Amino acid sequence: MLTSATVAVTGPIAFVGLVAPHLCRTLLPKHLAYEYRYVLFGSALSGAVLVSLSDLLANYQEIPVGILCVLFGGPSLVWLIQSRYQQASI
């Protein structure tokens, strides 16, 4: 509920800040996934790549950047949550 209120107030591009750290921890090897210096750098890099690709496609298709960020970030966040839930139940 708090996350949806934050996204509603700040806009969908801030949604990248929720997706990037989780995506980074998933892509990093297990022994580096909880080292904050790697997670911080990886989160910044993956967030920048996501917004840059969304902006590139948005300029090409003439649609708002926020819509593409949500289209890329929403399903990936659902997938990450679902995979973490399945790992916890095993």
C-alpha atoms as a PDB file:
ATOM      1  CA  MET A   1       0.000   0.000   0.000  1.00  0.00           C
ATOM      2  CA  LEU A   2       2.815   2.375   0.852  1.00  0.00           C
ATOM      3  CA  THR A   3       4.654   1.499  -2.360  1.00  0.00           C
ATOM      4  CA  SER A   4       1.622   2.162  -4.524  1.00  0.00           C
ATOM      5  CA  ALA A   5       1.076   5.521  -2.817  1.00  0.00           C
ATOM      6  CA  THR A   6       4.713   6.473  -3.406  1.00  0.00           C
ATOM      7  CA  VAL A   7       4.544   5.536  -7.085  1.00  0.00           C
ATOM      8  CA  ALA A   8       1.259   7.430  -7.450  1.00  0.00           C
ATOM      9  CA  VAL A   9       2.795  10.590  -5.983  1.00  0.00           C
ATOM     10  CA  THR A  10       6.270  10.499  -7.546  1.00  0.00           C
ATOM     11  CA  GLY A  11       5.412   8.942 -10.879  1.00  0.00           C
ATOM     12  CA  PRO A  12       6.176   5.664 -12.589  1.00  0.00           C
ATOM     13  CA  ILE A  13       9.829   6.445 -13.270  1.00  0.00           C
ATOM     14  CA  ALA A  14      10.495   6.215  -9.522  1.00  0.00           C
ATOM     15  CA  PHE A  15       9.271   2.619  -9.869  1.00  0.00           C
ATOM     16  CA  VAL A  16      12.712   1.864 -11.281  1.00  0.00           C
ATOM     17  CA  GLY A  17      14.118   2.447  -7.805  1.00  0.00           C
ATOM     18  CA  LEU A  18      12.103  -0.508  -6.578  1.00  0.00           C
ATOM     19  CA  VAL A  19      13.028  -2.855  -9.401  1.00  0.00           C
ATOM     20  CA  ALA A  20      16.748  -2.113  -9.837  1.00  0.00           C
ATOM     21  CA  PRO A  21      18.059  -3.378  -6.458  1.00  0.00           C
ATOM     22  CA  HIS A  22      16.072  -6.607  -6.676  1.00  0.00           C
ATOM     23  CA  LEU A  23      17.178  -7.188 -10.238  1.00  0.00           C
ATOM     24  CA  CYS A  24      20.780  -6.527  -9.284  1.00  0.00           C
ATOM     25  CA  ARG A  25      20.702  -8.995  -6.378  1.00  0.00           C
ATOM     26  CA  THR A  26      19.210 -11.624  -8.639  1.00  0.00           C
ATOM     27  CA  LEU A  27      21.922 -11.179 -11.270  1.00  0.00           C
ATOM     28  CA  LEU A  28      24.873 -11.051  -8.866  1.00  0.00           C
ATOM     29  CA  PRO A  29      26.518 -14.267  -7.662  1.00  0.00           C
ATOM     30  CA  LYS A  30      25.324 -15.518  -4.275  1.00  0.00           C
ATOM     31  CA  HIS A  31      28.466 -14.478  -2.386  1.00  0.00           C
ATOM     32  CA  LEU A  32      28.204 -10.885  -3.682  1.00  0.00           C
ATOM     33  CA  ALA A  33      24.415 -10.452  -3.494  1.00  0.00           C
ATOM     34  CA  TYR A  34      24.514  -8.954  -0.002  1.00  0.00           C
ATOM     35  CA  GLU A  35      27.697  -6.909  -0.326  1.00  0.00           C
ATOM     36  CA  TYR A  36      26.259  -3.395  -0.419  1.00  0.00           C
ATOM     37  CA  ARG A  37      29.050  -1.817  -2.424  1.00  0.00           C
ATOM     38  CA  TYR A  38      28.315  -4.178  -5.328  1.00  0.00           C
ATOM     39  CA  VAL A  39      24.546  -3.940  -4.947  1.00  0.00           C
ATOM     40  CA  LEU A  40      24.656  -0.133  -4.887  1.00  0.00           C
ATOM     41  CA  PHE A  41      26.784   0.073  -8.030  1.00  0.00           C
ATOM     42  CA  GLY A  42      24.749  -2.620  -9.793  1.00  0.00           C
ATOM     43  CA  SER A  43      21.452  -0.969  -8.838  1.00  0.00           C
ATOM     44  CA  ALA A  44      22.574   2.372 -10.214  1.00  0.00           C
ATOM     45  CA  LEU A  45      23.809   0.757 -13.400  1.00  0.00           C
ATOM     46  CA  SER A  46      20.719  -1.411 -13.974  1.00  0.00           C
ATOM     47  CA  GLY A  47      18.386   1.505 -13.187  1.00  0.00           C
ATOM     48  CA  ALA A  48      20.243   3.754 -15.610  1.00  0.00           C
ATOM     49  CA  VAL A  49      20.122   1.099 -18.329  1.00  0.00           C
ATOM     50  CA  LEU A  50      16.384   0.530 -17.794  1.00  0.00           C
ATOM     51  CA  VAL A  51      15.539   4.236 -17.974  1.00  0.00           C
ATOM     52  CA  SER A  52      17.871   4.801 -20.948  1.00  0.00           C
ATOM     53  CA  LEU A  53      16.324   1.951 -22.926  1.00  0.00           C
ATOM     54  CA  SER A  54      12.833   3.141 -22.018  1.00  0.00           C
ATOM     55  CA  ASP A  55      13.712   6.662 -23.144  1.00  0.00           C
ATOM     56  CA  LEU A  56      15.209   5.408 -26.389  1.00  0.00           C
ATOM     57  CA  LEU A  57      12.100   3.367 -27.202  1.00  0.00           C
ATOM     58  CA  ALA A  58       9.782   6.153 -26.035  1.00  0.00           C
ATOM     59  CA  ASN A  59      11.397   8.663 -28.381  1.00  0.00           C
ATOM     60  CA  TYR A  60      11.162   6.188 -31.227  1.00  0.00           C
ATOM     61  CA  GLN A  61       7.481   5.359 -30.609  1.00  0.00           C
ATOM     62  CA  GLU A  62       6.362   8.780 -29.281  1.00  0.00           C
ATOM     63  CA  ILE A  63       4.901   7.464 -26.019  1.00  0.00           C
ATOM     64  CA  PRO A  64       5.677   8.596 -22.458  1.00  0.00           C
ATOM     65  CA  VAL A  65       8.783   7.163 -20.800  1.00  0.00           C
ATOM     66  CA  GLY A  66       6.871   6.305 -17.633  1.00  0.00           C
ATOM     67  CA  ILE A  67       4.627   3.876 -19.472  1.00  0.00           C
ATOM     68  CA  LEU A  68       7.588   1.928 -20.818  1.00  0.00           C
ATOM     69  CA  CYS A  69       9.286   1.912 -17.393  1.00  0.00           C
ATOM     70  CA  VAL A  70       6.166   0.380 -15.880  1.00  0.00           C
ATOM     71  CA  LEU A  71       5.790  -2.094 -18.759  1.00  0.00           C
ATOM     72  CA  PHE A  72       9.361  -3.301 -18.246  1.00  0.00           C
ATOM     73  CA  GLY A  73       9.550  -2.931 -14.480  1.00  0.00           C
ATOM     74  CA  GLY A  74       6.128  -4.251 -13.463  1.00  0.00           C
ATOM     75  CA  PRO A  75       6.399  -7.775 -14.833  1.00  0.00           C
ATOM     76  CA  SER A  76      10.014  -8.069 -13.708  1.00  0.00           C
ATOM     77  CA  LEU A  77       9.072  -7.058 -10.150  1.00  0.00           C
ATOM     78  CA  VAL A  78       6.229  -9.592 -10.116  1.00  0.00           C
ATOM     79  CA  TRP A  79       8.615 -12.262 -11.412  1.00  0.00           C
ATOM     80  CA  LEU A  80      11.200 -11.392  -8.761  1.00  0.00           C
ATOM     81  CA  ILE A  81       8.648 -11.524  -5.953  1.00  0.00           C
ATOM     82  CA  GLN A  82       7.258 -14.817  -7.224  1.00  0.00           C
ATOM     83  CA  SER A  83      10.708 -16.397  -7.509  1.00  0.00           C
ATOM     84  CA  ARG A  84      11.655 -15.247  -3.990  1.00  0.00           C
ATOM     85  CA  TYR A  85       8.384 -16.630  -2.643  1.00  0.00           C
ATOM     86  CA  GLN A  86       9.022 -19.999  -4.299  1.00  0.00           C
ATOM     87  CA  GLN A  87      12.580 -20.099  -2.933  1.00  0.00           C
ATOM     88  CA  ALA A  88      11.302 -19.377   0.583  1.00  0.00           C
ATOM     89  CA  SER A  89       8.697 -22.140   0.426  1.00  0.00           C
ATOM     90  CA  ILE A  90      11.217 -24.812  -0.676  1.00  0.00           C
END
